[in-house]
Amino acid sequence: MEELDPLLENELIEQARGGDSQAMDRLLSAHRDRVYRTALSLVGGDGEAAFEIAQNVLISASRNLHQFRGNARLSTWLYRMTVNFRHNYLTAQKRRRDRFVSLDAPPPGEENSSGRGLHERLHSNSAGPREQAAANELHEQVTRHLQGLPDEYREALHLRYVEDLSYEEIATILDVPAGTIKSRINRGRAELRRRLSGTAQRQGGQRA
């Protein structure tokens, strides 16, 4: 996935708006993996659903790039589209049911005493076999429990800790006040912590 600096991205946006298909392809290619990763998290790891959502987002982006005002980053615009298409997908799925979600990226986790997050612990070259095994186990537990959180918590946590967006950017994407985003993240972290604690207690009881 190509990383575009802001100046180059703005140039490509203007060229794509002017009908340059190569510029459009380059723009979409630069964001394709991130859009899919976000969709995958928002639908609980369902790869087929994530692929469908990501395709719809990219098609819509190519058709409606003229509506992008440039008040925020292009990635923010695409994140919001991904959230919207995810809601549309789930609504359509519910209607169908009535009639007839690998995080690619590591999910948010608790920091250890050294201040390193789970992602760094998983990929650190300095981690010993025991620490690496413990980090891998924690990663699996966090991934599983993250997918079980209410949608509003999972969305906010993914955008904050996986995509590294600010509260203001997340608020723009989800169309709610920044204070609401902070509340959702705090409550989501607390619930994730509670579930992880419950898992640890059950495992401890089984080993006893």
Foldseek 3Di string as FASTA:
>chain_A
DDDDDPVVLVVLLVVLVVPDVVSLVVNCVNCLVVQLLLLCLLALNPNVRSVVLSVVLSVVCSVVSVVDPPPDDPNLVSLLSSVVSSVVVVVVVVVVVVPVHVNVAQFFDDADPVRDTLRCQCPPPPDDPVSNVVSVVRSVLLSNVLSVDPSLLSSLRCCCPVVVDDLVSSCVSVVHDSVVSVVSPVVSRVSSVVSVVVVVVVVVVVVD
